[in-house]
Amino acid sequence: MNPLHYLSLLGGGLFLMNAVPHVISGVLGRAFQSPFATPSGKGLSSSTINILWGFANLLLAWLLLIHLGRLDIAKWSDAIALFVGMFGVALFSAHHFGQFHGGNKPH
């Protein structure tokens, strides 16, 4: 069991899931928060910037999952590491972006 292998898969899952809102917002032509906005992570970036940032995340995910991590999705341990990374950033994103888009309002 190589800890760096699983760390690579966890990070790959993080970048893979982080690409989703940026690529979707960009494709829909909507501005969305990005690290390049002012203030960083809170202000809005153009749809073009979000496409570029989303695809940079996809490239990093590929490098970590396929090139470095040699992901074998049929192995439970690999799948769990991937999904933990994806789930972690999904929860963080829901909380962080929810404050800007109304997702954190109690019902």
N, C-alpha and C. Protein backbone atom coordinates (compact mmCIF):
# COMPACT_ATOMS: atom_id res chain seq x y z
N MET A 1 0.85 -1.19 0.00
CA MET A 1 0.00 0.00 0.00
C MET A 1 0.89 1.24 0.00
N ASN A 2 0.84 2.00 -1.07
CA ASN A 2 1.66 3.19 -1.24
C ASN A 2 0.81 4.43 -0.92
N PRO A 3 1.13 5.16 0.15
CA PRO A 3 0.35 6.34 0.52
C PRO A 3 0.35 7.42 -0.57
N LEU A 4 1.45 7.57 -1.31
CA LEU A 4 1.50 8.58 -2.38
C LEU A 4 0.54 8.24 -3.51
N HIS A 5 0.34 6.95 -3.77
CA HIS A 5 -0.62 6.52 -4.78
C HIS A 5 -2.02 7.02 -4.42
N TYR A 6 -2.41 6.78 -3.17
CA TYR A 6 -3.75 7.17 -2.73
C TYR A 6 -3.88 8.68 -2.59
N LEU A 7 -2.81 9.36 -2.21
CA LEU A 7 -2.83 10.82 -2.15
C LEU A 7 -3.01 11.40 -3.56
N SER A 8 -2.38 10.78 -4.54
CA SER A 8 -2.54 11.20 -5.94
C SER A 8 -3.98 11.03 -6.40
N LEU A 9 -4.61 9.91 -6.02
CA LEU A 9 -6.00 9.66 -6.41
C LEU A 9 -6.94 10.62 -5.69
N LEU A 10 -6.68 10.89 -4.42
CA LEU A 10 -7.49 11.84 -3.66
C LEU A 10 -7.42 13.23 -4.30
N GLY A 11 -6.20 13.67 -4.62
CA GLY A 11 -6.01 14.97 -5.27
C GLY A 11 -6.63 15.01 -6.66
N GLY A 12 -6.53 13.90 -7.38
CA GLY A 12 -7.15 13.84 -8.70
C GLY A 12 -8.66 13.98 -8.61
N GLY A 13 -9.27 13.33 -7.62
CA GLY A 13 -10.71 13.48 -7.41
C GLY A 13 -11.09 14.90 -7.07
N LEU A 14 -10.26 15.56 -6.28
CA LEU A 14 -10.49 16.96 -5.93
C LEU A 14 -10.50 17.83 -7.18
N PHE A 15 -9.47 17.72 -8.01
CA PHE A 15 -9.41 18.55 -9.22
C PHE A 15 -10.49 18.19 -10.22
N LEU A 16 -10.83 16.91 -10.31
CA LEU A 16 -11.90 16.49 -11.23
C LEU A 16 -13.22 17.14 -10.84
N MET A 17 -13.57 17.08 -9.57
CA MET A 17 -14.83 17.67 -9.12
C MET A 17 -14.79 19.19 -9.19
N ASN A 18 -13.64 19.79 -8.91
CA ASN A 18 -13.53 21.24 -8.97
C ASN A 18 -13.72 21.76 -10.40
N ALA A 19 -13.43 20.94 -11.39
CA ALA A 19 -13.61 21.37 -12.78
C ALA A 19 -15.08 21.54 -13.14
N VAL A 20 -15.94 20.78 -12.49
CA VAL A 20 -17.36 20.73 -12.89
C VAL A 20 -18.04 22.10 -12.88
N PRO A 21 -18.06 22.85 -11.76
CA PRO A 21 -18.80 24.12 -11.79
C PRO A 21 -18.18 25.15 -12.73
N HIS A 22 -16.86 25.09 -12.88
CA HIS A 22 -16.20 26.07 -13.75
C HIS A 22 -16.50 25.81 -15.23
N VAL A 23 -16.39 24.56 -15.64
CA VAL A 23 -16.69 24.22 -17.04
C VAL A 23 -18.17 24.46 -17.35
N ILE A 24 -19.04 24.02 -16.46
CA ILE A 24 -20.48 24.20 -16.71
C ILE A 24 -20.84 25.67 -16.76
N SER A 25 -20.35 26.47 -15.82
CA SER A 25 -20.63 27.91 -15.84
C SER A 25 -20.11 28.54 -17.13
N GLY A 26 -18.90 28.15 -17.52
CA GLY A 26 -18.33 28.70 -18.75
C GLY A 26 -19.13 28.33 -19.98
N VAL A 27 -19.53 27.07 -20.08
CA VAL A 27 -20.30 26.62 -21.24
C VAL A 27 -21.65 27.33 -21.30
N LEU A 28 -22.24 27.60 -20.13
CA LEU A 28 -23.52 28.30 -20.08
C LEU A 28 -23.38 29.81 -20.28
N GLY A 29 -22.13 30.29 -20.38
CA GLY A 29 -21.89 31.70 -20.59
C GLY A 29 -22.08 32.54 -19.34
N ARG A 30 -21.96 31.92 -18.18
CA ARG A 30 -22.19 32.61 -16.91
C ARG A 30 -20.87 32.92 -16.21
N ALA A 31 -20.84 34.07 -15.57
CA ALA A 31 -19.71 34.41 -14.71
C ALA A 31 -19.80 33.56 -13.45
N PHE A 32 -18.66 33.22 -12.88
CA PHE A 32 -18.62 32.40 -11.68
C PHE A 32 -17.33 32.71 -10.93
N GLN A 33 -17.31 32.44 -9.63
CA GLN A 33 -16.13 32.68 -8.82
C GLN A 33 -14.96 31.83 -9.32
N SER A 34 -13.77 32.42 -9.22
CA SER A 34 -12.55 31.68 -9.54
C SER A 34 -11.40 32.30 -8.77
N PRO A 35 -10.26 31.63 -8.74
CA PRO A 35 -9.10 32.20 -8.04
C PRO A 35 -8.58 33.47 -8.71
N PHE A 36 -9.00 33.75 -9.93
CA PHE A 36 -8.47 34.90 -10.68
C PHE A 36 -9.34 36.14 -10.54
N ALA A 37 -10.45 36.03 -9.82
CA ALA A 37 -11.35 37.16 -9.62
C ALA A 37 -10.81 38.06 -8.51
N THR A 38 -11.41 39.22 -8.37
CA THR A 38 -11.08 40.14 -7.29
C THR A 38 -12.33 40.38 -6.47
N PRO A 39 -12.34 40.01 -5.21
CA PRO A 39 -11.32 39.25 -4.48
C PRO A 39 -11.31 37.79 -4.90
N SER A 40 -10.16 37.18 -4.76
CA SER A 40 -9.96 35.80 -5.20
C SER A 40 -10.95 34.85 -4.54
N GLY A 41 -11.63 34.05 -5.37
CA GLY A 41 -12.58 33.07 -4.86
C GLY A 41 -13.92 33.62 -4.47
N LYS A 42 -14.07 34.95 -4.50
CA LYS A 42 -15.33 35.58 -4.12
C LYS A 42 -15.92 36.39 -5.25
N GLY A 43 -15.07 37.12 -5.97
CA GLY A 43 -15.54 37.90 -7.10
C GLY A 43 -15.83 36.99 -8.29
N LEU A 44 -16.43 37.56 -9.30
CA LEU A 44 -16.81 36.78 -10.48
C LEU A 44 -15.76 36.88 -11.58
N SER A 45 -15.52 35.77 -12.24
CA SER A 45 -14.67 35.72 -13.42
C SER A 45 -15.54 35.43 -14.63
N SER A 46 -15.08 35.83 -15.78
CA SER A 46 -15.84 35.64 -17.02
C SER A 46 -16.01 34.15 -17.33
N SER A 47 -16.94 33.87 -18.21
CA SER A 47 -17.16 32.49 -18.63
C SER A 47 -15.91 31.92 -19.31
N THR A 48 -15.18 32.74 -20.05
CA THR A 48 -13.96 32.28 -20.71
C THR A 48 -12.90 31.89 -19.69
N ILE A 49 -12.71 32.71 -18.67
CA ILE A 49 -11.75 32.39 -17.61
C ILE A 49 -12.15 31.09 -16.92
N ASN A 50 -13.45 30.90 -16.70
CA ASN A 50 -13.91 29.68 -16.05
C ASN A 50 -13.69 28.44 -16.92
N ILE A 51 -13.84 28.57 -18.22
CA ILE A 51 -13.52 27.45 -19.11
C ILE A 51 -12.03 27.10 -18.99
N LEU A 52 -11.18 28.12 -19.04
CA LEU A 52 -9.74 27.88 -18.94
C LEU A 52 -9.38 27.26 -17.60
N TRP A 53 -9.95 27.76 -16.51
CA TRP A 53 -9.67 27.22 -15.18
C TRP A 53 -10.22 25.80 -15.04
N GLY A 54 -11.41 25.57 -15.57
CA GLY A 54 -11.99 24.23 -15.52
C GLY A 54 -11.15 23.21 -16.26
N PHE A 55 -10.67 23.57 -17.44
CA PHE A 55 -9.84 22.63 -18.21
C PHE A 55 -8.45 22.47 -17.60
N ALA A 56 -7.94 23.49 -16.93
CA ALA A 56 -6.69 23.33 -16.19
C ALA A 56 -6.89 22.31 -15.06
N ASN A 57 -8.04 22.36 -14.40
CA ASN A 57 -8.35 21.38 -13.36
C ASN A 57 -8.48 19.98 -13.96
N LEU A 58 -9.09 19.86 -15.13
CA LEU A 58 -9.20 18.55 -15.77
C LEU A 58 -7.82 17.99 -16.14
N LEU A 59 -6.94 18.85 -16.60
CA LEU A 59 -5.58 18.41 -16.92
C LEU A 59 -4.85 17.92 -15.66
N LEU A 60 -4.97 18.68 -14.57
CA LEU A 60 -4.35 18.25 -13.32
C LEU A 60 -4.96 16.94 -12.82
N ALA A 61 -6.28 16.79 -12.96
CA ALA A 61 -6.94 15.55 -12.57
C ALA A 61 -6.39 14.38 -13.38
N TRP A 62 -6.24 14.56 -14.68
CA TRP A 62 -5.70 13.51 -15.54
C TRP A 62 -4.28 13.14 -15.11
N LEU A 63 -3.45 14.15 -14.87
CA LEU A 63 -2.07 13.88 -14.46
C LEU A 63 -2.04 13.07 -13.16
N LEU A 64 -2.86 13.45 -12.19
CA LEU A 64 -2.86 12.77 -10.90
C LEU A 64 -3.51 11.40 -10.95
N LEU A 65 -4.61 11.29 -11.69
CA LEU A 65 -5.36 10.03 -11.71
C LEU A 65 -4.76 8.99 -12.66
N ILE A 66 -4.42 9.41 -13.85
CA ILE A 66 -4.01 8.45 -14.88
C ILE A 66 -2.49 8.35 -14.97
N HIS A 67 -1.84 9.48 -15.12
CA HIS A 67 -0.40 9.45 -15.35
C HIS A 67 0.37 9.06 -14.09
N LEU A 68 0.09 9.71 -12.96
CA LEU A 68 0.83 9.42 -11.73
C LEU A 68 0.17 8.33 -10.90
N GLY A 69 -1.15 8.40 -10.74
CA GLY A 69 -1.84 7.49 -9.84
C GLY A 69 -2.19 6.15 -10.44
N ARG A 70 -2.17 6.05 -11.76
CA ARG A 70 -2.53 4.79 -12.42
C ARG A 70 -3.83 4.22 -11.86
N LEU A 71 -4.86 5.06 -11.89
CA LEU A 71 -6.18 4.71 -11.35
C LEU A 71 -6.70 3.40 -11.93
N ASP A 72 -7.10 2.50 -11.04
CA ASP A 72 -7.80 1.28 -11.43
C ASP A 72 -9.15 1.34 -10.74
N ILE A 73 -10.14 1.87 -11.44
CA ILE A 73 -11.46 2.13 -10.86
C ILE A 73 -12.14 0.85 -10.39
N ALA A 74 -11.69 -0.31 -10.86
CA ALA A 74 -12.26 -1.58 -10.42
C ALA A 74 -11.76 -1.98 -9.03
N LYS A 75 -10.68 -1.36 -8.56
CA LYS A 75 -10.17 -1.64 -7.22
C LYS A 75 -10.89 -0.75 -6.21
N TRP A 76 -11.47 -1.38 -5.19
CA TRP A 76 -12.20 -0.62 -4.18
C TRP A 76 -11.35 0.47 -3.55
N SER A 77 -10.12 0.19 -3.22
CA SER A 77 -9.27 1.18 -2.56
C SER A 77 -9.02 2.39 -3.45
N ASP A 78 -8.83 2.17 -4.74
CA ASP A 78 -8.65 3.29 -5.67
C ASP A 78 -9.93 4.10 -5.80
N ALA A 79 -11.06 3.41 -5.94
CA ALA A 79 -12.35 4.10 -6.08
C ALA A 79 -12.67 4.92 -4.84
N ILE A 80 -12.40 4.38 -3.67
CA ILE A 80 -12.68 5.10 -2.43
C ILE A 80 -11.83 6.35 -2.33
N ALA A 81 -10.54 6.26 -2.65
CA ALA A 81 -9.66 7.43 -2.61
C ALA A 81 -10.15 8.51 -3.58
N LEU A 82 -10.53 8.10 -4.78
CA LEU A 82 -11.06 9.04 -5.77
C LEU A 82 -12.33 9.72 -5.25
N PHE A 83 -13.27 8.92 -4.76
CA PHE A 83 -14.55 9.47 -4.32
C PHE A 83 -14.44 10.32 -3.06
N VAL A 84 -13.51 10.00 -2.18
CA VAL A 84 -13.29 10.84 -1.00
C VAL A 84 -12.82 12.23 -1.43
N GLY A 85 -11.90 12.29 -2.39
CA GLY A 85 -11.45 13.58 -2.92
C GLY A 85 -12.58 14.35 -3.57
N MET A 86 -13.38 13.66 -4.36
CA MET A 86 -14.52 14.32 -5.02
C MET A 86 -15.55 14.80 -4.01
N PHE A 87 -15.87 13.95 -3.04
CA PHE A 87 -16.88 14.30 -2.04
C PHE A 87 -16.42 15.47 -1.17
N GLY A 88 -15.15 15.46 -0.80
CA GLY A 88 -14.62 16.54 0.04
C GLY A 88 -14.72 17.89 -0.62
N VAL A 89 -14.30 17.99 -1.87
CA VAL A 89 -14.36 19.29 -2.55
C VAL A 89 -15.80 19.65 -2.90
N ALA A 90 -16.67 18.67 -3.11
CA ALA A 90 -18.08 18.96 -3.37
C ALA A 90 -18.73 19.59 -2.14
N LEU A 91 -18.45 19.04 -0.96
CA LEU A 91 -19.00 19.63 0.28
C LEU A 91 -18.45 21.03 0.51
N PHE A 92 -17.14 21.19 0.32
CA PHE A 92 -16.54 22.51 0.49
C PHE A 92 -17.16 23.51 -0.48
N SER A 93 -17.30 23.12 -1.74
CA SER A 93 -17.86 24.01 -2.76
C SER A 93 -19.30 24.39 -2.45
N ALA A 94 -20.08 23.41 -1.99
CA ALA A 94 -21.47 23.69 -1.64
C ALA A 94 -21.54 24.76 -0.56
N HIS A 95 -20.68 24.65 0.41
CA HIS A 95 -20.67 25.64 1.50
C HIS A 95 -20.14 26.99 1.01
N HIS A 96 -18.99 26.96 0.33
CA HIS A 96 -18.34 28.20 -0.09
C HIS A 96 -19.18 28.96 -1.12
N PHE A 97 -19.58 28.29 -2.19
CA PHE A 97 -20.33 28.97 -3.24
C PHE A 97 -21.78 29.21 -2.86
N GLY A 98 -22.29 28.42 -1.92
CA GLY A 98 -23.65 28.61 -1.45
C GLY A 98 -23.87 29.98 -0.83
N GLN A 99 -22.84 30.55 -0.23
CA GLN A 99 -22.98 31.87 0.37
C GLN A 99 -23.18 32.97 -0.69
N PHE A 100 -22.78 32.70 -1.92
CA PHE A 100 -22.94 33.67 -2.99
C PHE A 100 -24.18 33.42 -3.85
N HIS A 101 -24.67 32.19 -3.84
CA HIS A 101 -25.75 31.81 -4.75
C HIS A 101 -27.00 31.33 -4.02
N GLY A 102 -27.10 31.61 -2.73
CA GLY A 102 -28.31 31.28 -1.99
C GLY A 102 -28.44 29.84 -1.54
N GLY A 103 -27.38 29.05 -1.63
CA GLY A 103 -27.46 27.64 -1.28
C GLY A 103 -27.33 27.34 0.19
N ASN A 104 -26.97 28.35 1.00
CA ASN A 104 -26.79 28.11 2.43
C ASN A 104 -27.92 28.68 3.27
N LYS A 105 -29.02 29.02 2.65
CA LYS A 105 -30.16 29.56 3.40
C LYS A 105 -30.92 28.42 4.04
N PRO A 106 -31.26 28.56 5.34
CA PRO A 106 -32.07 27.52 5.98
C PRO A 106 -33.49 27.53 5.42
N HIS A 107 -34.09 26.37 5.40
CA HIS A 107 -35.45 26.26 4.88
C HIS A 107 -36.44 26.36 5.99
